Amino acid sequence: MKAQPWQRAISQQSLKDYVKIQKRFDRELARALQLAANDAAKLIKQLGYSDTFSAQIRRAQYAFHGAELQRIERDLWRSIGSDVRRGMKFSSALSVETNDVIMKFLIKSVGKGRAAIIADSLLAAARNSFELVRARLLNEIPLSKLVYKNEALATKKVQTAINNGLALGKTAKEIAEDVFKFISPKAPGGASYAAMRLGRTELNNAFHTTSIRGYANQPWVRGVQWNLSASHPVDDECNDYAGSDHEGLGAGIYAPENVPGKPHPMCLCYVTAVTASPREFQNELLAGKYNGFLAANGFWSDVF
């Protein structure tokens, strides 16, 4: 068993479309980070107090501006959470559209008459099946917990920067500048890396998981092939997924119900549905092999 050229072409185009979604998220993330950094910069400019003021006044100054910087961080992560959720909806919807393309390729060779009527119903049933998978998946993902965890970690780092600055005798302005570097999208690491790691991972998981769960429901899908992305500088689990014959189906090919999830963050490996050939599909359609799938998706009475 192996993926056919038309099947590979569909999955490769789907990956290209996914990358566009990810790039859109990256731009939205950069805007959110820049707005937060701008707010932090405005706060820094307000720090005009002299270090000759009493320790009590300086402590009050630190407490006030430290709390404001933490508020900026919390607001930033809530914005990031909204952007991630929106990106997940787009990426999971892409898996539905990809399956539509597969189905349309399979049914284009089906003739007219009864077979065409059944094929049209099957197309609608397949989309309905994928949409149900997609809805369940989006409800299952505890994104709020992931965002809160990152928000809490980032807020803790802001507080650590403030505490370290106090211990080193830094001025309030110097401390605020340290925090600004943590938030700014132009600074390496910090909030920008954590946010990108979270967003890219969840967008890709939504795309991947919707695909493999959807394929597992469709009787004309014989297997699912794991394709290695070009973004692996060293071998990891993905190399094994793509290169080994795990189930006697061929290198990198899994039974639809056994495809693994993404093994590491920001993974761009992708899958290809290995289906019945158009001729096999037509024969099985007319033989009634897909009747159970139609009935399970509410199309029985519309066809027979």
C-alpha atoms as a PDB file:
ATOM      1  CA  MET A   1       0.000   0.000   0.000  1.00  0.00           C
ATOM      2  CA  LYS A   2       1.259   3.477  -0.817  1.00  0.00           C
ATOM      3  CA  ALA A   3      -0.098   6.936  -1.465  1.00  0.00           C
ATOM      4  CA  GLN A   4      -0.864   7.713  -5.102  1.00  0.00           C
ATOM      5  CA  PRO A   5       0.445  10.875  -6.802  1.00  0.00           C
ATOM      6  CA  TRP A   6      -2.979  12.562  -6.672  1.00  0.00           C
ATOM      7  CA  GLN A   7      -3.278  11.794  -2.967  1.00  0.00           C
ATOM      8  CA  ARG A   8       0.188  13.201  -2.244  1.00  0.00           C
ATOM      9  CA  ALA A   9      -0.587  16.297  -4.302  1.00  0.00           C
ATOM     10  CA  ILE A  10      -3.741  16.993  -2.264  1.00  0.00           C
ATOM     11  CA  SER A  11      -1.970  16.623   1.088  1.00  0.00           C
ATOM     12  CA  GLN A  12       0.993  18.744  -0.052  1.00  0.00           C
ATOM     13  CA  GLN A  13      -1.352  21.523  -1.175  1.00  0.00           C
ATOM     14  CA  SER A  14      -3.165  21.242   2.136  1.00  0.00           C
ATOM     15  CA  LEU A  15       0.136  21.719   3.983  1.00  0.00           C
ATOM     16  CA  LYS A  16       0.858  24.844   1.926  1.00  0.00           C
ATOM     17  CA  ASP A  17      -2.578  26.206   2.843  1.00  0.00           C
ATOM     18  CA  TYR A  18      -1.947  25.390   6.493  1.00  0.00           C
ATOM     19  CA  VAL A  19       1.362  27.274   6.450  1.00  0.00           C
ATOM     20  CA  LYS A  20      -0.536  30.353   5.212  1.00  0.00           C
ATOM     21  CA  ILE A  21      -2.836  30.079   8.242  1.00  0.00           C
ATOM     22  CA  GLN A  22       0.160  29.748  10.540  1.00  0.00           C
ATOM     23  CA  LYS A  23       1.843  32.793   9.005  1.00  0.00           C
ATOM     24  CA  ARG A  24      -1.348  34.787   9.519  1.00  0.00           C
ATOM     25  CA  PHE A  25      -1.314  33.772  13.184  1.00  0.00           C
ATOM     26  CA  ASP A  26       2.360  34.775  13.445  1.00  0.00           C
ATOM     27  CA  ARG A  27       1.495  38.255  12.143  1.00  0.00           C
ATOM     28  CA  GLU A  28      -1.387  38.604  14.616  1.00  0.00           C
ATOM     29  CA  LEU A  29       0.881  37.452  17.414  1.00  0.00           C
ATOM     30  CA  ALA A  30       3.567  39.971  16.461  1.00  0.00           C
ATOM     31  CA  ARG A  31       0.961  42.759  16.542  1.00  0.00           C
ATOM     32  CA  ALA A  32      -0.270  41.696  19.991  1.00  0.00           C
ATOM     33  CA  LEU A  33       3.289  41.557  21.327  1.00  0.00           C
ATOM     34  CA  GLN A  34       4.129  44.936  19.841  1.00  0.00           C
ATOM     35  CA  LEU A  35       1.051  46.561  21.380  1.00  0.00           C
ATOM     36  CA  ALA A  36       2.004  45.138  24.782  1.00  0.00           C
ATOM     37  CA  ALA A  37       5.601  46.297  24.321  1.00  0.00           C
ATOM     38  CA  ASN A  38       4.347  49.773  23.386  1.00  0.00           C
ATOM     39  CA  ASP A  39       2.293  49.890  26.600  1.00  0.00           C
ATOM     40  CA  ALA A  40       5.367  48.847  28.565  1.00  0.00           C
ATOM     41  CA  ALA A  41       7.452  51.502  26.812  1.00  0.00           C
ATOM     42  CA  LYS A  42       4.905  54.197  27.727  1.00  0.00           C
ATOM     43  CA  LEU A  43       5.126  53.064  31.328  1.00  0.00           C
ATOM     44  CA  ILE A  44       8.910  53.302  31.222  1.00  0.00           C
ATOM     45  CA  LYS A  45       8.678  56.898  30.039  1.00  0.00           C
ATOM     46  CA  GLN A  46       6.558  57.730  33.055  1.00  0.00           C
ATOM     47  CA  LEU A  47       9.339  56.693  35.421  1.00  0.00           C
ATOM     48  CA  GLY A  48      10.802  60.097  36.050  1.00  0.00           C
ATOM     49  CA  TYR A  49      11.346  59.774  39.764  1.00  0.00           C
ATOM     50  CA  SER A  50      14.823  60.488  41.025  1.00  0.00           C
ATOM     51  CA  ASP A  51      16.780  57.808  42.850  1.00  0.00           C
ATOM     52  CA  THR A  52      17.433  60.385  45.556  1.00  0.00           C
ATOM     53  CA  PHE A  53      13.871  59.924  46.792  1.00  0.00           C
ATOM     54  CA  SER A  54      13.419  57.979  49.986  1.00  0.00           C
ATOM     55  CA  ALA A  55      13.401  54.180  49.957  1.00  0.00           C
ATOM     56  CA  GLN A  56       9.725  54.241  50.899  1.00  0.00           C
ATOM     57  CA  ILE A  57       8.799  56.328  47.847  1.00  0.00           C
ATOM     58  CA  ARG A  58      10.900  54.104  45.577  1.00  0.00           C
ATOM     59  CA  ARG A  59       9.262  50.957  46.960  1.00  0.00           C
ATOM     60  CA  ALA A  60       5.836  52.434  46.259  1.00  0.00           C
ATOM     61  CA  GLN A  61       7.027  53.314  42.780  1.00  0.00           C
ATOM     62  CA  TYR A  62       8.241  49.769  42.146  1.00  0.00           C
ATOM     63  CA  ALA A  63       5.043  48.252  43.489  1.00  0.00           C
ATOM     64  CA  PHE A  64       2.803  50.421  41.295  1.00  0.00           C
ATOM     65  CA  HIS A  65       4.715  50.019  38.061  1.00  0.00           C
ATOM     66  CA  GLY A  66       5.433  46.363  38.732  1.00  0.00           C
ATOM     67  CA  ALA A  67       1.709  45.713  39.064  1.00  0.00           C
ATOM     68  CA  GLU A  68       1.076  47.627  35.814  1.00  0.00           C
ATOM     69  CA  LEU A  69       3.688  45.611  33.953  1.00  0.00           C
ATOM     70  CA  GLN A  70       2.113  42.382  35.196  1.00  0.00           C
ATOM     71  CA  ARG A  71      -1.295  43.628  34.050  1.00  0.00           C
ATOM     72  CA  ILE A  72       0.152  44.248  30.581  1.00  0.00           C
ATOM     73  CA  GLU A  73       1.443  40.676  30.572  1.00  0.00           C
ATOM     74  CA  ARG A  74      -1.925  39.228  31.620  1.00  0.00           C
ATOM     75  CA  ASP A  75      -3.789  41.223  28.968  1.00  0.00           C
ATOM     76  CA  LEU A  76      -1.275  40.099  26.367  1.00  0.00           C
ATOM     77  CA  TRP A  77      -1.871  36.417  27.081  1.00  0.00           C
ATOM     78  CA  ARG A  78      -5.623  36.796  26.977  1.00  0.00           C
ATOM     79  CA  SER A  79      -5.238  38.357  23.536  1.00  0.00           C
ATOM     80  CA  ILE A  80      -2.935  35.532  22.475  1.00  0.00           C
ATOM     81  CA  GLY A  81      -5.495  32.986  23.683  1.00  0.00           C
ATOM     82  CA  SER A  82      -8.155  34.538  21.440  1.00  0.00           C
ATOM     83  CA  ASP A  83      -5.785  34.522  18.464  1.00  0.00           C
ATOM     84  CA  VAL A  84      -4.874  30.868  19.037  1.00  0.00           C
ATOM     85  CA  ARG A  85      -8.514  29.811  19.311  1.00  0.00           C
ATOM     86  CA  ARG A  86      -9.339  31.620  16.057  1.00  0.00           C
ATOM     87  CA  GLY A  87      -6.351  30.036  14.313  1.00  0.00           C
ATOM     88  CA  MET A  88      -7.401  26.579  15.507  1.00  0.00           C
ATOM     89  CA  LYS A  89     -10.826  27.067  13.947  1.00  0.00           C
ATOM     90  CA  PHE A  90      -9.238  27.944  10.604  1.00  0.00           C
ATOM     91  CA  SER A  91      -6.748  25.075  10.670  1.00  0.00           C
ATOM     92  CA  SER A  92      -9.324  22.454  11.662  1.00  0.00           C
ATOM     93  CA  ALA A  93     -11.673  23.766   8.958  1.00  0.00           C
ATOM     94  CA  LEU A  94      -8.858  23.275   6.443  1.00  0.00           C
ATOM     95  CA  SER A  95      -8.831  19.539   7.200  1.00  0.00           C
ATOM     96  CA  VAL A  96     -12.553  19.430   6.354  1.00  0.00           C
ATOM     97  CA  GLU A  97     -11.915  21.223   3.049  1.00  0.00           C
ATOM     98  CA  THR A  98      -9.033  18.866   2.253  1.00  0.00           C
ATOM     99  CA  ASN A  99     -11.302  15.877   2.695  1.00  0.00           C
ATOM    100  CA  ASP A 100     -13.838  17.512   0.375  1.00  0.00           C
ATOM    101  CA  VAL A 101     -11.136  17.649  -2.314  1.00  0.00           C
ATOM    102  CA  ILE A 102     -10.367  13.943  -1.811  1.00  0.00           C
ATOM    103  CA  MET A 103     -14.039  13.023  -2.027  1.00  0.00           C
ATOM    104  CA  LYS A 104     -14.637  15.080  -5.154  1.00  0.00           C
ATOM    105  CA  PHE A 105     -11.697  13.371  -6.846  1.00  0.00           C
ATOM    106  CA  LEU A 106     -13.116   9.950  -5.971  1.00  0.00           C
ATOM    107  CA  ILE A 107     -16.659  10.653  -7.121  1.00  0.00           C
ATOM    108  CA  LYS A 108     -15.817  12.474 -10.348  1.00  0.00           C
ATOM    109  CA  SER A 109     -15.516   9.125 -12.127  1.00  0.00           C
ATOM    110  CA  VAL A 110     -18.896   7.912 -10.872  1.00  0.00           C
ATOM    111  CA  GLY A 111     -21.471   7.821 -13.656  1.00  0.00           C
ATOM    112  CA  LYS A 112     -24.951   9.275 -13.739  1.00  0.00           C
ATOM    113  CA  GLY A 113     -28.174   7.929 -12.332  1.00  0.00           C
ATOM    114  CA  ARG A 114     -28.399   6.098  -9.029  1.00  0.00           C
ATOM    115  CA  ALA A 115     -24.625   6.018  -8.492  1.00  0.00           C
ATOM    116  CA  ALA A 116     -24.382   9.805  -8.858  1.00  0.00           C
ATOM    117  CA  ILE A 117     -27.216  10.331  -6.359  1.00  0.00           C
ATOM    118  CA  ILE A 118     -25.515   8.072  -3.824  1.00  0.00           C
ATOM    119  CA  ALA A 119     -22.150   9.755  -4.458  1.00  0.00           C
ATOM    120  CA  ASP A 120     -23.589  13.236  -3.819  1.00  0.00           C
ATOM    121  CA  SER A 121     -25.100  12.016  -0.562  1.00  0.00           C
ATOM    122  CA  LEU A 122     -21.801  10.395   0.368  1.00  0.00           C
ATOM    123  CA  LEU A 123     -19.973  13.678  -0.185  1.00  0.00           C
ATOM    124  CA  ALA A 124     -22.397  15.445   2.153  1.00  0.00           C
ATOM    125  CA  ALA A 125     -22.153  12.628   4.702  1.00  0.00           C
ATOM    126  CA  ALA A 126     -18.353  12.756   4.660  1.00  0.00           C
ATOM    127  CA  ARG A 127     -18.377  16.510   5.313  1.00  0.00           C
ATOM    128  CA  ASN A 128     -20.922  16.034   8.081  1.00  0.00           C
ATOM    129  CA  SER A 129     -18.720  13.360   9.679  1.00  0.00           C
ATOM    130  CA  PHE A 130     -15.657  15.618   9.574  1.00  0.00           C
ATOM    131  CA  GLU A 131     -17.573  18.601  10.962  1.00  0.00           C
ATOM    132  CA  LEU A 132     -18.727  16.511  13.933  1.00  0.00           C
ATOM    133  CA  VAL A 133     -15.131  15.446  14.595  1.00  0.00           C
ATOM    134  CA  ARG A 134     -14.006  19.049  14.310  1.00  0.00           C
ATOM    135  CA  ALA A 135     -16.642  20.347  16.730  1.00  0.00           C
ATOM    136  CA  ARG A 136     -15.811  17.709  19.327  1.00  0.00           C
ATOM    137  CA  LEU A 137     -12.094  18.380  19.033  1.00  0.00           C
ATOM    138  CA  LEU A 138     -12.376  22.139  19.481  1.00  0.00           C
ATOM    139  CA  ASN A 139     -14.495  21.596  22.593  1.00  0.00           C
ATOM    140  CA  GLU A 140     -12.024  19.068  24.022  1.00  0.00           C
ATOM    141  CA  ILE A 141      -8.872  21.167  23.870  1.00  0.00           C
ATOM    142  CA  PRO A 142      -8.241  22.877  27.248  1.00  0.00           C
ATOM    143  CA  LEU A 143      -6.763  25.972  25.638  1.00  0.00           C
ATOM    144  CA  SER A 144      -7.699  28.224  28.557  1.00  0.00           C
ATOM    145  CA  LYS A 145      -5.543  26.100  30.862  1.00  0.00           C
ATOM    146  CA  LEU A 146      -2.614  26.255  28.470  1.00  0.00           C
ATOM    147  CA  VAL A 147      -2.920  30.031  28.156  1.00  0.00           C
ATOM    148  CA  TYR A 148      -3.260  30.443  31.926  1.00  0.00           C
ATOM    149  CA  LYS A 149      -0.175  28.293  32.495  1.00  0.00           C
ATOM    150  CA  ASN A 150       1.867  30.445  30.127  1.00  0.00           C
ATOM    151  CA  GLU A 151       0.380  33.630  31.548  1.00  0.00           C
ATOM    152  CA  ALA A 152       1.273  32.559  35.100  1.00  0.00           C
ATOM    153  CA  LEU A 153       4.803  31.617  34.025  1.00  0.00           C
ATOM    154  CA  ALA A 154       5.280  34.911  32.181  1.00  0.00           C
ATOM    155  CA  THR A 155       3.903  36.938  35.098  1.00  0.00           C
ATOM    156  CA  LYS A 156       6.268  35.084  37.435  1.00  0.00           C
ATOM    157  CA  LYS A 157       9.183  35.968  35.150  1.00  0.00           C
ATOM    158  CA  VAL A 158       8.136  39.614  35.207  1.00  0.00           C
ATOM    159  CA  GLN A 159       8.076  39.528  38.995  1.00  0.00           C
ATOM    160  CA  THR A 160      11.476  37.787  39.039  1.00  0.00           C
ATOM    161  CA  ALA A 161      12.920  40.525  36.818  1.00  0.00           C
ATOM    162  CA  ILE A 162      11.588  43.125  39.239  1.00  0.00           C
ATOM    163  CA  ASN A 163      12.918  41.291  42.300  1.00  0.00           C
ATOM    164  CA  ASN A 164      16.333  40.734  40.723  1.00  0.00           C
ATOM    165  CA  GLY A 165      16.500  44.379  39.767  1.00  0.00           C
ATOM    166  CA  LEU A 166      15.721  45.414  43.323  1.00  0.00           C
ATOM    167  CA  ALA A 167      18.387  43.049  44.671  1.00  0.00           C
ATOM    168  CA  LEU A 168      20.945  44.491  42.241  1.00  0.00           C
ATOM    169  CA  GLY A 169      20.004  48.071  43.096  1.00  0.00           C
ATOM    170  CA  LYS A 170      18.644  48.888  39.634  1.00  0.00           C
ATOM    171  CA  THR A 171      16.479  51.929  39.120  1.00  0.00           C
ATOM    172  CA  ALA A 172      12.768  51.545  38.418  1.00  0.00           C
ATOM    173  CA  LYS A 173      13.434  52.567  34.822  1.00  0.00           C
ATOM    174  CA  GLU A 174      16.121  49.899  34.395  1.00  0.00           C
ATOM    175  CA  ILE A 175      13.799  47.265  35.826  1.00  0.00           C
ATOM    176  CA  ALA A 176      10.974  48.309  33.501  1.00  0.00           C
ATOM    177  CA  GLU A 177      13.354  48.119  30.535  1.00  0.00           C
ATOM    178  CA  ASP A 178      14.248  44.536  31.518  1.00  0.00           C
ATOM    179  CA  VAL A 179      10.558  43.663  31.461  1.00  0.00           C
ATOM    180  CA  PHE A 180      10.115  45.455  28.118  1.00  0.00           C
ATOM    181  CA  LYS A 181      12.794  43.218  26.602  1.00  0.00           C
ATOM    182  CA  PHE A 182      10.890  40.174  27.851  1.00  0.00           C
ATOM    183  CA  ILE A 183       7.657  41.299  26.141  1.00  0.00           C
ATOM    184  CA  SER A 184       9.008  42.823  22.932  1.00  0.00           C
ATOM    185  CA  PRO A 185       8.606  40.658  19.785  1.00  0.00           C
ATOM    186  CA  LYS A 186      12.005  41.929  18.603  1.00  0.00           C
ATOM    187  CA  ALA A 187      13.815  40.429  21.589  1.00  0.00           C
ATOM    188  CA  PRO A 188      14.871  36.772  21.341  1.00  0.00           C
ATOM    189  CA  GLY A 189      13.140  34.333  23.676  1.00  0.00           C
ATOM    190  CA  GLY A 190      10.813  35.690  26.303  1.00  0.00           C
ATOM    191  CA  ALA A 191       7.089  35.979  25.776  1.00  0.00           C
ATOM    192  CA  SER A 192       7.398  35.983  21.983  1.00  0.00           C
ATOM    193  CA  TYR A 193       8.915  32.495  21.844  1.00  0.00           C
ATOM    194  CA  ALA A 194       6.505  31.058  24.426  1.00  0.00           C
ATOM    195  CA  ALA A 195       3.517  32.489  22.569  1.00  0.00           C
ATOM    196  CA  MET A 196       4.708  31.273  19.170  1.00  0.00           C
ATOM    197  CA  ARG A 197       5.406  27.810  20.568  1.00  0.00           C
ATOM    198  CA  LEU A 198       1.915  27.603  22.069  1.00  0.00           C
ATOM    199  CA  GLY A 199       0.131  28.993  19.018  1.00  0.00           C
ATOM    200  CA  ARG A 200       1.912  27.032  16.318  1.00  0.00           C
ATOM    201  CA  THR A 201       1.615  23.805  18.306  1.00  0.00           C
ATOM    202  CA  GLU A 202      -2.120  24.148  18.930  1.00  0.00           C
ATOM    203  CA  LEU A 203      -2.938  25.252  15.372  1.00  0.00           C
ATOM    204  CA  ASN A 204      -1.057  22.286  13.970  1.00  0.00           C
ATOM    205  CA  ASN A 205      -2.543  19.850  16.473  1.00  0.00           C
ATOM    206  CA  ALA A 206      -6.048  20.999  15.504  1.00  0.00           C
ATOM    207  CA  PHE A 207      -5.250  20.503  11.812  1.00  0.00           C
ATOM    208  CA  HIS A 208      -3.594  17.106  12.318  1.00  0.00           C
ATOM    209  CA  THR A 209      -6.034  15.655  14.841  1.00  0.00           C
ATOM    210  CA  THR A 210      -9.139  16.670  12.892  1.00  0.00           C
ATOM    211  CA  SER A 211      -7.640  14.979   9.822  1.00  0.00           C
ATOM    212  CA  ILE A 212      -6.700  11.665  11.416  1.00  0.00           C
ATOM    213  CA  ARG A 213      -9.893  11.333  13.462  1.00  0.00           C
ATOM    214  CA  GLY A 214     -11.961  12.168  10.397  1.00  0.00           C
ATOM    215  CA  TYR A 215     -10.162   9.639   8.195  1.00  0.00           C
ATOM    216  CA  ALA A 216     -10.672   6.946  10.845  1.00  0.00           C
ATOM    217  CA  ASN A 217     -14.447   7.303  10.339  1.00  0.00           C
ATOM    218  CA  GLN A 218     -14.424   6.854   6.562  1.00  0.00           C
ATOM    219  CA  PRO A 219     -14.565   3.293   5.148  1.00  0.00           C
ATOM    220  CA  TRP A 220     -12.862   4.153   1.832  1.00  0.00           C
ATOM    221  CA  VAL A 221      -9.699   5.308   3.653  1.00  0.00           C
ATOM    222  CA  ARG A 222      -7.350   2.296   3.685  1.00  0.00           C
ATOM    223  CA  GLY A 223      -4.477   3.879   5.575  1.00  0.00           C
ATOM    224  CA  VAL A 224      -2.832   7.172   6.498  1.00  0.00           C
ATOM    225  CA  GLN A 225       0.769   7.933   5.559  1.00  0.00           C
ATOM    226  CA  TRP A 226       3.031  10.040   7.779  1.00  0.00           C
ATOM    227  CA  ASN A 227       5.151  12.455   5.733  1.00  0.00           C
ATOM    228  CA  LEU A 228       8.299  13.942   7.218  1.00  0.00           C
ATOM    229  CA  SER A 229       8.630  17.717   7.074  1.00  0.00           C
ATOM    230  CA  ALA A 230      11.858  19.452   6.085  1.00  0.00           C
ATOM    231  CA  SER A 231      12.209  21.035   9.543  1.00  0.00           C
ATOM    232  CA  HIS A 232      14.014  18.204  11.348  1.00  0.00           C
ATOM    233  CA  PRO A 233      17.701  19.084  11.879  1.00  0.00           C
ATOM    234  CA  VAL A 234      18.194  15.811  13.777  1.00  0.00           C
ATOM    235  CA  ASP A 235      16.328  12.521  13.754  1.00  0.00           C
ATOM    236  CA  ASP A 236      13.432  12.222  16.196  1.00  0.00           C
ATOM    237  CA  GLU A 237      10.202  10.237  16.588  1.00  0.00           C
ATOM    238  CA  CYS A 238       8.905  11.635  13.308  1.00  0.00           C
ATOM    239  CA  ASN A 239      11.679   9.913  11.363  1.00  0.00           C
ATOM    240  CA  ASP A 240      10.552   6.606  12.799  1.00  0.00           C
ATOM    241  CA  TYR A 241       6.900   7.394  12.085  1.00  0.00           C
ATOM    242  CA  ALA A 242       7.705   8.140   8.427  1.00  0.00           C
ATOM    243  CA  GLY A 243      10.357   5.503   7.786  1.00  0.00           C
ATOM    244  CA  SER A 244       9.246   2.330   9.574  1.00  0.00           C
ATOM    245  CA  ASP A 245       6.622  -0.209   8.541  1.00  0.00           C
ATOM    246  CA  HIS A 246       4.567  -0.218  11.721  1.00  0.00           C
ATOM    247  CA  GLU A 247       1.586  -2.350  10.724  1.00  0.00           C
ATOM    248  CA  GLY A 248       2.612  -4.262   7.630  1.00  0.00           C
ATOM    249  CA  LEU A 249       1.053  -1.612   5.390  1.00  0.00           C
ATOM    250  CA  GLY A 250       4.240  -0.014   4.113  1.00  0.00           C
ATOM    251  CA  ALA A 251       6.765   2.532   5.355  1.00  0.00           C
ATOM    252  CA  GLY A 252       5.081   5.316   7.292  1.00  0.00           C
ATOM    253  CA  ILE A 253       1.554   3.998   6.738  1.00  0.00           C
ATOM    254  CA  TYR A 254      -0.807   3.425   9.654  1.00  0.00           C
ATOM    255  CA  ALA A 255      -4.287   2.001   9.928  1.00  0.00           C
ATOM    256  CA  PRO A 256      -6.546   5.100  10.053  1.00  0.00           C
ATOM    257  CA  GLU A 257      -7.446   4.531  13.703  1.00  0.00           C
ATOM    258  CA  ASN A 258      -3.797   4.159  14.794  1.00  0.00           C
ATOM    259  CA  VAL A 259      -2.114   7.313  13.453  1.00  0.00           C
ATOM    260  CA  PRO A 260      -0.070   8.911  16.257  1.00  0.00           C
ATOM    261  CA  GLY A 261      -0.454  12.482  17.378  1.00  0.00           C
ATOM    262  CA  LYS A 262       2.285  15.053  16.972  1.00  0.00           C
ATOM    263  CA  PRO A 263       5.264  13.984  19.124  1.00  0.00           C
ATOM    264  CA  HIS A 264       6.765  17.426  19.707  1.00  0.00           C
ATOM    265  CA  PRO A 265       5.782  21.118  19.622  1.00  0.00           C
ATOM    266  CA  MET A 266       5.638  23.041  16.339  1.00  0.00           C
ATOM    267  CA  CYS A 267       5.806  19.835  14.252  1.00  0.00           C
ATOM    268  CA  LEU A 268       5.105  20.417  10.546  1.00  0.00           C
ATOM    269  CA  CYS A 269       4.958  16.774   9.484  1.00  0.00           C
ATOM    270  CA  TYR A 270       1.746  16.035   7.612  1.00  0.00           C
ATOM    271  CA  VAL A 271      -0.381  13.042   6.660  1.00  0.00           C
ATOM    272  CA  THR A 272      -1.790  11.695   3.406  1.00  0.00           C
ATOM    273  CA  ALA A 273      -5.024   9.703   3.223  1.00  0.00           C
ATOM    274  CA  VAL A 274      -4.477   6.479   1.259  1.00  0.00           C
ATOM    275  CA  THR A 275      -7.921   5.685  -0.139  1.00  0.00           C
ATOM    276  CA  ALA A 276      -9.556   3.189  -2.407  1.00  0.00           C
ATOM    277  CA  SER A 277      -8.838   3.942  -6.049  1.00  0.00           C
ATOM    278  CA  PRO A 278     -11.604   5.737  -7.967  1.00  0.00           C
ATOM    279  CA  ARG A 279     -12.574   2.422  -9.622  1.00  0.00           C
ATOM    280  CA  GLU A 280     -12.600   0.562  -6.292  1.00  0.00           C
ATOM    281  CA  PHE A 281     -14.576   3.401  -4.769  1.00  0.00           C
ATOM    282  CA  GLN A 282     -17.234   3.228  -7.497  1.00  0.00           C
ATOM    283  CA  ASN A 283     -17.549  -0.549  -7.230  1.00  0.00           C
ATOM    284  CA  GLU A 284     -17.840  -0.463  -3.453  1.00  0.00           C
ATOM    285  CA  LEU A 285     -20.337   2.390  -3.639  1.00  0.00           C
ATOM    286  CA  LEU A 286     -22.636   0.428  -5.971  1.00  0.00           C
ATOM    287  CA  ALA A 287     -22.181  -2.755  -3.932  1.00  0.00           C
ATOM    288  CA  GLY A 288     -23.583  -0.968  -0.874  1.00  0.00           C
ATOM    289  CA  LYS A 289     -20.378  -1.102   1.147  1.00  0.00           C
ATOM    290  CA  TYR A 290     -20.840   2.522   2.268  1.00  0.00           C
ATOM    291  CA  ASN A 291     -24.520   2.264   3.190  1.00  0.00           C
ATOM    292  CA  GLY A 292     -23.712   1.996   6.889  1.00  0.00           C
ATOM    293  CA  PHE A 293     -21.669   5.194   6.751  1.00  0.00           C
ATOM    294  CA  LEU A 294     -24.525   6.998   5.013  1.00  0.00           C
ATOM    295  CA  ALA A 295     -27.032   5.776   7.583  1.00  0.00           C
ATOM    296  CA  ALA A 296     -24.770   6.738  10.481  1.00  0.00           C
ATOM    297  CA  ASN A 297     -24.691  10.286   9.157  1.00  0.00           C
ATOM    298  CA  GLY A 298     -28.434  10.599   8.555  1.00  0.00           C
ATOM    299  CA  PHE A 299     -28.534  10.072   4.790  1.00  0.00           C
ATOM    300  CA  TRP A 300     -30.188   6.659   4.561  1.00  0.00           C
ATOM    301  CA  SER A 301     -33.703   7.896   3.772  1.00  0.00           C
ATOM    302  CA  ASP A 302     -32.382  10.383   1.214  1.00  0.00           C
ATOM    303  CA  VAL A 303     -30.799   7.667  -0.910  1.00  0.00           C
ATOM    304  CA  PHE A 304     -32.867   4.515  -0.650  1.00  0.00           C
END
